[in-house]
Amino acid sequence: MRNHKTPLVIIALCAAGAAAAGGQGNPAKTASADPIVGTWKLDTSQSKLASTNTAPKEEMQVCLAVNGRIECTIRTTRTDGSTSSFKVNWPGQGGMVQAQGDGVPSTYSGVETHLRTGEWLVTDMIEGRQVGTLRKLISKDGKTMRQTVQGVDTQGKSFEEVRVYEKQ
């Protein structure tokens, strides 16, 4: 069975940031004001990644506000040299996550929930069963994004990661 841990982690990372303005008012304005909009680079030296042979060596996320939605394209190069690319999007005020691309299971679903300005919680599911959560916090200056991921991989093994991203 293919290990889907890395794509699910990344899906959760990108799906977390939709509702910085509290989901009030015009969805297009809410999305464009979101602090996740921009280009983010994973800082592997500051991150505590789960031990896996497919850990990211480099990762870039480019997030845009488009028609009231947040759209992120994620490109990853792993330590074994393999690469992946996929896209996620969700309503600017929060809601169901849509994901497509390399390694995304066809039975994936996710929900992004706004907790307070700059902080979100994402719940990841496979076949309707919860397999992980992600809590994301963007620093007050908007330059750093810290994400704590907890989940269960396809072999039933629990994992936790802390990922730190720097805005480019």
N, C-alpha and C. Protein backbone atom coordinates (compact mmCIF):
# COMPACT_ATOMS: atom_id res chain seq x y z
N MET A 1 0.84 -1.18 0.00
CA MET A 1 0.00 0.00 0.00
C MET A 1 0.89 1.24 0.00
N ARG A 2 0.55 2.22 -0.79
CA ARG A 2 1.33 3.44 -0.92
C ARG A 2 1.20 4.30 0.34
N ASN A 3 2.30 4.88 0.77
CA ASN A 3 2.29 5.76 1.94
C ASN A 3 1.82 7.14 1.51
N HIS A 4 0.66 7.56 2.02
CA HIS A 4 0.09 8.85 1.66
C HIS A 4 0.38 9.91 2.71
N LYS A 5 1.26 9.65 3.65
CA LYS A 5 1.49 10.60 4.74
C LYS A 5 1.95 11.95 4.22
N THR A 6 2.94 12.00 3.37
CA THR A 6 3.47 13.28 2.92
C THR A 6 2.43 14.11 2.19
N PRO A 7 1.69 13.58 1.19
CA PRO A 7 0.68 14.42 0.55
C PRO A 7 -0.39 14.90 1.52
N LEU A 8 -0.85 14.06 2.44
CA LEU A 8 -1.88 14.49 3.39
C LEU A 8 -1.37 15.61 4.27
N VAL A 9 -0.14 15.51 4.69
CA VAL A 9 0.44 16.58 5.51
C VAL A 9 0.42 17.88 4.74
N ILE A 10 0.85 17.84 3.49
CA ILE A 10 0.92 19.05 2.70
C ILE A 10 -0.47 19.58 2.39
N ILE A 11 -1.43 18.69 2.11
CA ILE A 11 -2.80 19.14 1.89
C ILE A 11 -3.28 19.90 3.11
N ALA A 12 -3.06 19.32 4.27
CA ALA A 12 -3.50 19.98 5.49
C ALA A 12 -2.80 21.31 5.68
N LEU A 13 -1.53 21.38 5.38
CA LEU A 13 -0.79 22.63 5.54
C LEU A 13 -1.39 23.74 4.71
N CYS A 14 -1.74 23.44 3.51
CA CYS A 14 -2.26 24.48 2.62
C CYS A 14 -3.72 24.77 2.88
N ALA A 15 -4.44 23.80 3.36
CA ALA A 15 -5.87 23.98 3.55
C ALA A 15 -6.21 24.79 4.78
N ALA A 16 -5.24 25.06 5.59
CA ALA A 16 -5.53 25.68 6.87
C ALA A 16 -5.80 27.16 6.84
N GLY A 17 -5.45 27.89 5.79
CA GLY A 17 -5.37 29.33 5.92
C GLY A 17 -6.45 30.19 5.34
N ALA A 18 -7.67 29.80 5.27
CA ALA A 18 -8.65 30.55 4.51
C ALA A 18 -9.31 31.71 5.21
N ALA A 19 -9.42 31.77 6.51
CA ALA A 19 -10.38 32.68 7.12
C ALA A 19 -9.77 33.73 8.04
N ALA A 20 -8.69 34.34 7.66
CA ALA A 20 -8.03 35.31 8.53
C ALA A 20 -8.93 36.47 8.90
N ALA A 21 -9.85 36.83 8.04
CA ALA A 21 -10.73 37.96 8.33
C ALA A 21 -11.99 37.52 9.07
N GLY A 22 -12.02 36.29 9.54
CA GLY A 22 -13.14 35.83 10.35
C GLY A 22 -14.34 35.37 9.54
N GLY A 23 -14.19 35.29 8.21
CA GLY A 23 -15.28 34.79 7.38
C GLY A 23 -16.43 35.76 7.25
N GLN A 24 -16.22 37.03 7.54
CA GLN A 24 -17.30 38.00 7.48
C GLN A 24 -17.17 38.81 6.21
N GLY A 25 -18.31 39.31 5.73
CA GLY A 25 -18.30 40.21 4.59
C GLY A 25 -18.09 39.48 3.28
N ASN A 26 -17.55 40.20 2.32
CA ASN A 26 -17.34 39.71 0.97
C ASN A 26 -16.29 38.61 0.96
N PRO A 27 -16.64 37.38 0.47
CA PRO A 27 -15.66 36.30 0.44
C PRO A 27 -14.41 36.63 -0.35
N ALA A 28 -14.52 37.39 -1.44
CA ALA A 28 -13.35 37.75 -2.22
C ALA A 28 -12.41 38.62 -1.40
N LYS A 29 -12.96 39.59 -0.65
CA LYS A 29 -12.12 40.43 0.19
C LYS A 29 -11.52 39.63 1.33
N THR A 30 -12.29 38.71 1.90
CA THR A 30 -11.78 37.86 2.98
C THR A 30 -10.58 37.06 2.49
N ALA A 31 -10.69 36.45 1.31
CA ALA A 31 -9.61 35.64 0.77
C ALA A 31 -8.38 36.47 0.46
N SER A 32 -8.57 37.65 -0.15
CA SER A 32 -7.41 38.45 -0.53
C SER A 32 -6.69 39.00 0.68
N ALA A 33 -7.37 39.16 1.82
CA ALA A 33 -6.74 39.66 3.04
C ALA A 33 -6.05 38.55 3.81
N ASP A 34 -6.18 37.32 3.38
CA ASP A 34 -5.65 36.18 4.11
C ASP A 34 -4.13 36.20 4.14
N PRO A 35 -3.53 36.02 5.33
CA PRO A 35 -2.07 36.05 5.40
C PRO A 35 -1.37 34.89 4.72
N ILE A 36 -2.10 33.85 4.29
CA ILE A 36 -1.44 32.75 3.59
C ILE A 36 -1.13 33.11 2.14
N VAL A 37 -1.77 34.14 1.59
CA VAL A 37 -1.53 34.52 0.20
C VAL A 37 -0.07 34.97 0.05
N GLY A 38 0.62 34.33 -0.89
CA GLY A 38 2.01 34.62 -1.14
C GLY A 38 2.79 33.34 -1.40
N THR A 39 4.10 33.44 -1.37
CA THR A 39 4.99 32.30 -1.59
C THR A 39 5.67 31.95 -0.27
N TRP A 40 5.63 30.67 0.09
CA TRP A 40 6.19 30.17 1.35
C TRP A 40 7.22 29.08 1.05
N LYS A 41 8.34 29.14 1.77
CA LYS A 41 9.39 28.13 1.62
C LYS A 41 9.58 27.40 2.95
N LEU A 42 9.59 26.07 2.89
CA LEU A 42 9.81 25.26 4.09
C LEU A 42 11.24 25.46 4.58
N ASP A 43 11.38 25.77 5.86
CA ASP A 43 12.69 25.88 6.51
C ASP A 43 12.95 24.56 7.22
N THR A 44 13.66 23.65 6.55
CA THR A 44 13.88 22.32 7.11
C THR A 44 14.77 22.37 8.35
N SER A 45 15.62 23.38 8.49
CA SER A 45 16.48 23.46 9.67
C SER A 45 15.69 23.83 10.93
N GLN A 46 14.58 24.52 10.78
CA GLN A 46 13.75 24.90 11.92
C GLN A 46 12.59 23.92 12.16
N SER A 47 12.34 23.04 11.20
CA SER A 47 11.23 22.11 11.27
C SER A 47 11.63 20.82 11.96
N LYS A 48 10.66 20.14 12.55
CA LYS A 48 10.86 18.81 13.14
C LYS A 48 9.97 17.85 12.37
N LEU A 49 10.57 17.24 11.33
CA LEU A 49 9.81 16.40 10.41
C LEU A 49 9.81 14.96 10.88
N ALA A 50 8.72 14.26 10.56
CA ALA A 50 8.62 12.84 10.89
C ALA A 50 9.70 12.08 10.12
N SER A 51 10.24 11.04 10.72
CA SER A 51 11.27 10.26 10.03
C SER A 51 10.61 9.40 8.96
N THR A 52 10.99 9.66 7.73
CA THR A 52 10.48 8.92 6.58
C THR A 52 11.47 9.07 5.44
N ASN A 53 11.54 8.07 4.58
CA ASN A 53 12.47 8.17 3.46
C ASN A 53 11.97 9.12 2.38
N THR A 54 10.77 9.66 2.54
CA THR A 54 10.24 10.60 1.57
C THR A 54 10.09 12.00 2.18
N ALA A 55 10.89 12.31 3.19
CA ALA A 55 10.84 13.62 3.82
C ALA A 55 11.21 14.70 2.79
N PRO A 56 10.63 15.89 2.91
CA PRO A 56 10.96 16.94 1.96
C PRO A 56 12.36 17.50 2.15
N LYS A 57 13.07 17.66 1.04
CA LYS A 57 14.35 18.37 1.04
C LYS A 57 14.07 19.85 0.81
N GLU A 58 13.15 20.12 -0.10
CA GLU A 58 12.70 21.47 -0.41
C GLU A 58 11.20 21.43 -0.65
N GLU A 59 10.55 22.54 -0.29
CA GLU A 59 9.12 22.63 -0.57
C GLU A 59 8.74 24.10 -0.72
N MET A 60 7.99 24.39 -1.76
CA MET A 60 7.48 25.74 -2.00
C MET A 60 5.97 25.65 -2.14
N GLN A 61 5.28 26.61 -1.52
CA GLN A 61 3.84 26.74 -1.65
C GLN A 61 3.55 28.13 -2.19
N VAL A 62 2.80 28.19 -3.28
CA VAL A 62 2.38 29.47 -3.83
C VAL A 62 0.87 29.53 -3.70
N CYS A 63 0.39 30.50 -2.90
CA CYS A 63 -1.04 30.61 -2.60
C CYS A 63 -1.59 31.92 -3.14
N LEU A 64 -2.73 31.84 -3.80
CA LEU A 64 -3.39 32.99 -4.41
C LEU A 64 -4.84 33.06 -3.94
N ALA A 65 -5.40 34.27 -3.95
CA ALA A 65 -6.83 34.46 -3.73
C ALA A 65 -7.47 34.61 -5.10
N VAL A 66 -8.43 33.70 -5.43
CA VAL A 66 -9.06 33.69 -6.74
C VAL A 66 -10.56 33.50 -6.56
N ASN A 67 -11.34 34.50 -6.94
CA ASN A 67 -12.80 34.41 -6.90
C ASN A 67 -13.35 33.91 -5.57
N GLY A 68 -12.85 34.48 -4.47
CA GLY A 68 -13.36 34.12 -3.16
C GLY A 68 -12.82 32.81 -2.61
N ARG A 69 -11.85 32.22 -3.28
CA ARG A 69 -11.23 30.97 -2.83
C ARG A 69 -9.73 31.19 -2.68
N ILE A 70 -9.11 30.34 -1.86
CA ILE A 70 -7.65 30.29 -1.77
C ILE A 70 -7.21 29.09 -2.60
N GLU A 71 -6.24 29.32 -3.48
CA GLU A 71 -5.69 28.24 -4.32
C GLU A 71 -4.19 28.17 -4.07
N CYS A 72 -3.72 26.99 -3.67
CA CYS A 72 -2.29 26.79 -3.41
C CYS A 72 -1.75 25.70 -4.32
N THR A 73 -0.58 25.97 -4.89
CA THR A 73 0.17 24.98 -5.65
C THR A 73 1.39 24.63 -4.83
N ILE A 74 1.61 23.35 -4.60
CA ILE A 74 2.69 22.88 -3.74
C ILE A 74 3.64 22.03 -4.58
N ARG A 75 4.92 22.40 -4.54
CA ARG A 75 5.96 21.64 -5.24
C ARG A 75 6.98 21.18 -4.22
N THR A 76 7.21 19.87 -4.20
CA THR A 76 8.10 19.26 -3.20
C THR A 76 9.19 18.45 -3.89
N THR A 77 10.41 18.58 -3.40
CA THR A 77 11.51 17.69 -3.77
C THR A 77 11.90 16.98 -2.48
N ARG A 78 11.88 15.64 -2.50
CA ARG A 78 12.17 14.85 -1.31
C ARG A 78 13.65 14.49 -1.24
N THR A 79 14.08 14.03 -0.08
CA THR A 79 15.48 13.68 0.12
C THR A 79 15.93 12.55 -0.80
N ASP A 80 14.99 11.71 -1.26
CA ASP A 80 15.35 10.63 -2.18
C ASP A 80 15.39 11.10 -3.64
N GLY A 81 15.15 12.41 -3.88
CA GLY A 81 15.20 12.97 -5.22
C GLY A 81 13.87 12.99 -5.95
N SER A 82 12.87 12.30 -5.43
CA SER A 82 11.57 12.30 -6.09
C SER A 82 10.89 13.66 -5.89
N THR A 83 9.99 13.97 -6.81
CA THR A 83 9.28 15.25 -6.75
C THR A 83 7.78 15.01 -6.83
N SER A 84 7.03 15.98 -6.35
CA SER A 84 5.58 15.93 -6.50
C SER A 84 5.06 17.35 -6.61
N SER A 85 3.89 17.46 -7.18
CA SER A 85 3.22 18.73 -7.33
C SER A 85 1.72 18.49 -7.26
N PHE A 86 1.02 19.32 -6.52
CA PHE A 86 -0.43 19.23 -6.50
C PHE A 86 -1.03 20.55 -6.08
N LYS A 87 -2.34 20.64 -6.22
CA LYS A 87 -3.07 21.87 -5.91
C LYS A 87 -4.17 21.58 -4.90
N VAL A 88 -4.39 22.55 -4.02
CA VAL A 88 -5.52 22.51 -3.09
C VAL A 88 -6.23 23.85 -3.17
N ASN A 89 -7.53 23.83 -2.89
CA ASN A 89 -8.28 25.08 -2.79
C ASN A 89 -9.45 24.91 -1.85
N TRP A 90 -9.92 26.04 -1.32
CA TRP A 90 -11.02 26.04 -0.36
C TRP A 90 -11.67 27.41 -0.35
N PRO A 91 -12.91 27.50 0.14
CA PRO A 91 -13.56 28.81 0.23
C PRO A 91 -12.79 29.74 1.16
N GLY A 92 -12.71 31.01 0.80
CA GLY A 92 -11.98 31.99 1.59
C GLY A 92 -12.47 32.12 3.02
N GLN A 93 -13.73 31.81 3.29
CA GLN A 93 -14.26 31.92 4.64
C GLN A 93 -14.19 30.59 5.40
N GLY A 94 -13.57 29.59 4.80
CA GLY A 94 -13.44 28.27 5.44
C GLY A 94 -14.44 27.30 4.84
N GLY A 95 -14.17 26.01 4.99
CA GLY A 95 -15.08 24.99 4.46
C GLY A 95 -14.33 23.79 3.92
N MET A 96 -14.97 23.11 2.97
CA MET A 96 -14.42 21.88 2.41
C MET A 96 -13.21 22.16 1.51
N VAL A 97 -12.21 21.31 1.64
CA VAL A 97 -10.97 21.40 0.87
C VAL A 97 -11.11 20.53 -0.38
N GLN A 98 -10.68 21.06 -1.52
CA GLN A 98 -10.57 20.28 -2.75
C GLN A 98 -9.09 20.11 -3.05
N ALA A 99 -8.68 18.89 -3.41
CA ALA A 99 -7.27 18.63 -3.68
C ALA A 99 -7.15 17.71 -4.89
N GLN A 100 -6.10 17.96 -5.70
CA GLN A 100 -5.82 17.10 -6.85
C GLN A 100 -4.34 17.15 -7.18
N GLY A 101 -3.83 16.03 -7.65
CA GLY A 101 -2.43 15.98 -8.07
C GLY A 101 -1.72 14.77 -7.53
N ASP A 102 -0.38 14.82 -7.63
CA ASP A 102 0.47 13.69 -7.24
C ASP A 102 0.19 13.22 -5.81
N GLY A 103 -0.14 11.95 -5.66
CA GLY A 103 -0.26 11.33 -4.35
C GLY A 103 -1.53 11.64 -3.56
N VAL A 104 -2.45 12.41 -4.12
CA VAL A 104 -3.68 12.73 -3.39
C VAL A 104 -4.66 11.58 -3.58
N PRO A 105 -5.03 10.89 -2.50
CA PRO A 105 -5.98 9.78 -2.64
C PRO A 105 -7.33 10.27 -3.15
N SER A 106 -7.98 9.48 -3.99
CA SER A 106 -9.28 9.87 -4.53
C SER A 106 -10.34 9.97 -3.44
N THR A 107 -10.09 9.31 -2.31
CA THR A 107 -11.07 9.32 -1.21
C THR A 107 -10.74 10.36 -0.14
N TYR A 108 -9.81 11.30 -0.45
CA TYR A 108 -9.45 12.35 0.51
C TYR A 108 -10.55 13.39 0.62
N SER A 109 -10.79 13.85 1.83
CA SER A 109 -11.60 15.04 2.08
C SER A 109 -11.00 15.76 3.27
N GLY A 110 -11.25 17.06 3.32
CA GLY A 110 -10.72 17.86 4.42
C GLY A 110 -11.64 19.01 4.73
N VAL A 111 -11.58 19.47 5.97
CA VAL A 111 -12.35 20.63 6.41
C VAL A 111 -11.40 21.59 7.10
N GLU A 112 -11.43 22.84 6.68
CA GLU A 112 -10.61 23.90 7.27
C GLU A 112 -11.52 24.74 8.16
N THR A 113 -11.10 24.95 9.41
CA THR A 113 -11.89 25.71 10.39
C THR A 113 -11.07 26.88 10.92
N HIS A 114 -11.67 28.07 10.87
CA HIS A 114 -11.00 29.26 11.40
C HIS A 114 -11.19 29.30 12.92
N LEU A 115 -10.09 29.41 13.67
CA LEU A 115 -10.16 29.48 15.13
C LEU A 115 -10.13 30.93 15.60
N ARG A 116 -9.20 31.70 15.06
CA ARG A 116 -9.08 33.15 15.31
C ARG A 116 -8.13 33.69 14.27
N THR A 117 -8.03 35.01 14.18
CA THR A 117 -7.18 35.61 13.16
C THR A 117 -5.77 35.01 13.22
N GLY A 118 -5.33 34.46 12.09
CA GLY A 118 -4.00 33.89 11.99
C GLY A 118 -3.86 32.47 12.52
N GLU A 119 -4.96 31.84 12.92
CA GLU A 119 -4.87 30.46 13.45
C GLU A 119 -6.04 29.62 12.92
N TRP A 120 -5.70 28.41 12.44
CA TRP A 120 -6.68 27.52 11.83
C TRP A 120 -6.45 26.08 12.26
N LEU A 121 -7.49 25.27 12.08
CA LEU A 121 -7.41 23.84 12.32
C LEU A 121 -7.98 23.14 11.09
N VAL A 122 -7.24 22.16 10.59
CA VAL A 122 -7.69 21.37 9.44
C VAL A 122 -7.86 19.93 9.91
N THR A 123 -8.95 19.30 9.50
CA THR A 123 -9.19 17.88 9.76
C THR A 123 -9.10 17.16 8.42
N ASP A 124 -8.21 16.16 8.33
CA ASP A 124 -8.03 15.35 7.12
C ASP A 124 -8.72 14.02 7.29
N MET A 125 -9.38 13.57 6.21
CA MET A 125 -10.09 12.29 6.23
C MET A 125 -9.80 11.49 4.97
N ILE A 126 -9.79 10.18 5.13
CA ILE A 126 -9.72 9.24 4.01
C ILE A 126 -10.94 8.33 4.18
N GLU A 127 -11.69 8.19 3.11
CA GLU A 127 -12.91 7.38 3.14
C GLU A 127 -13.81 7.79 4.31
N GLY A 128 -13.85 9.09 4.60
CA GLY A 128 -14.72 9.60 5.66
C GLY A 128 -14.22 9.39 7.07
N ARG A 129 -13.03 8.79 7.23
CA ARG A 129 -12.47 8.52 8.56
C ARG A 129 -11.31 9.47 8.81
N GLN A 130 -11.33 10.11 9.98
CA GLN A 130 -10.28 11.07 10.31
C GLN A 130 -8.93 10.38 10.39
N VAL A 131 -7.93 10.96 9.71
CA VAL A 131 -6.58 10.41 9.73
C VAL A 131 -5.55 11.43 10.19
N GLY A 132 -5.99 12.68 10.40
CA GLY A 132 -5.03 13.67 10.85
C GLY A 132 -5.64 15.03 11.12
N THR A 133 -4.87 15.83 11.85
CA THR A 133 -5.22 17.23 12.07
C THR A 133 -3.98 18.08 11.87
N LEU A 134 -4.23 19.34 11.62
CA LEU A 134 -3.14 20.30 11.49
C LEU A 134 -3.59 21.60 12.14
N ARG A 135 -2.74 22.14 12.98
CA ARG A 135 -2.98 23.46 13.56
C ARG A 135 -1.93 24.38 12.98
N LYS A 136 -2.39 25.50 12.42
CA LYS A 136 -1.49 26.44 11.75
C LYS A 136 -1.57 27.79 12.44
N LEU A 137 -0.41 28.42 12.61
CA LEU A 137 -0.34 29.74 13.22
C LEU A 137 0.64 30.59 12.42
N ILE A 138 0.16 31.73 11.95
CA ILE A 138 1.02 32.67 11.24
C ILE A 138 1.43 33.74 12.24
N SER A 139 2.72 34.06 12.25
CA SER A 139 3.26 35.04 13.19
C SER A 139 2.59 36.40 13.00
N LYS A 140 2.62 37.22 14.04
CA LYS A 140 1.99 38.53 13.98
C LYS A 140 2.58 39.40 12.88
N ASP A 141 3.87 39.24 12.59
CA ASP A 141 4.49 40.03 11.52
C ASP A 141 4.22 39.43 10.13
N GLY A 142 3.56 38.26 10.06
CA GLY A 142 3.20 37.63 8.80
C GLY A 142 4.32 36.98 8.04
N LYS A 143 5.50 36.85 8.67
CA LYS A 143 6.67 36.33 7.95
C LYS A 143 6.91 34.84 8.16
N THR A 144 6.33 34.26 9.22
CA THR A 144 6.58 32.86 9.55
C THR A 144 5.26 32.14 9.76
N MET A 145 5.19 30.92 9.25
CA MET A 145 4.02 30.06 9.43
C MET A 145 4.50 28.79 10.12
N ARG A 146 3.92 28.48 11.28
CA ARG A 146 4.27 27.27 12.03
C ARG A 146 3.07 26.34 11.99
N GLN A 147 3.32 25.10 11.59
CA GLN A 147 2.24 24.13 11.46
C GLN A 147 2.57 22.87 12.24
N THR A 148 1.64 22.47 13.09
CA THR A 148 1.80 21.24 13.86
C THR A 148 0.83 20.22 13.29
N VAL A 149 1.38 19.11 12.80
CA VAL A 149 0.59 18.07 12.14
C VAL A 149 0.61 16.82 12.99
N GLN A 150 -0.55 16.25 13.25
CA GLN A 150 -0.66 14.97 13.95
C GLN A 150 -1.54 14.06 13.10
N GLY A 151 -1.14 12.80 12.99
CA GLY A 151 -1.94 11.90 12.18
C GLY A 151 -1.53 10.46 12.30
N VAL A 152 -2.14 9.67 11.44
CA VAL A 152 -1.88 8.23 11.36
C VAL A 152 -1.62 7.92 9.89
N ASP A 153 -0.49 7.24 9.61
CA ASP A 153 -0.19 6.91 8.22
C ASP A 153 -0.98 5.67 7.79
N THR A 154 -0.78 5.24 6.55
CA THR A 154 -1.57 4.13 6.00
C THR A 154 -1.26 2.79 6.67
N GLN A 155 -0.14 2.71 7.40
CA GLN A 155 0.17 1.49 8.15
C GLN A 155 -0.36 1.55 9.58
N GLY A 156 -1.07 2.64 9.92
CA GLY A 156 -1.64 2.77 11.26
C GLY A 156 -0.68 3.35 12.28
N LYS A 157 0.48 3.83 11.85
CA LYS A 157 1.48 4.38 12.76
C LYS A 157 1.22 5.88 12.96
N SER A 158 1.20 6.30 14.23
CA SER A 158 1.00 7.71 14.55
C SER A 158 2.27 8.51 14.24
N PHE A 159 2.08 9.77 13.87
CA PHE A 159 3.22 10.65 13.64
C PHE A 159 2.84 12.08 14.05
N GLU A 160 3.87 12.89 14.31
CA GLU A 160 3.69 14.31 14.58
C GLU A 160 4.84 15.06 13.94
N GLU A 161 4.52 16.20 13.35
CA GLU A 161 5.53 17.05 12.74
C GLU A 161 5.27 18.49 13.14
N VAL A 162 6.35 19.27 13.16
CA VAL A 162 6.24 20.72 13.24
C VAL A 162 6.97 21.25 12.03
N ARG A 163 6.25 21.98 11.19
CA ARG A 163 6.82 22.54 9.97
C ARG A 163 6.84 24.05 10.08
N VAL A 164 7.99 24.63 9.73
CA VAL A 164 8.15 26.07 9.78
C VAL A 164 8.40 26.57 8.35
N TYR A 165 7.60 27.53 7.93
CA TYR A 165 7.71 28.14 6.61
C TYR A 165 8.05 29.61 6.75
N GLU A 166 8.85 30.11 5.82
CA GLU A 166 9.19 31.53 5.77
C GLU A 166 8.57 32.13 4.52
N LYS A 167 7.94 33.29 4.68
CA LYS A 167 7.33 33.97 3.53
C LYS A 167 8.44 34.57 2.68
N GLN A 168 8.35 34.39 1.39
CA GLN A 168 9.37 34.86 0.44
C GLN A 168 9.00 36.23 -0.10
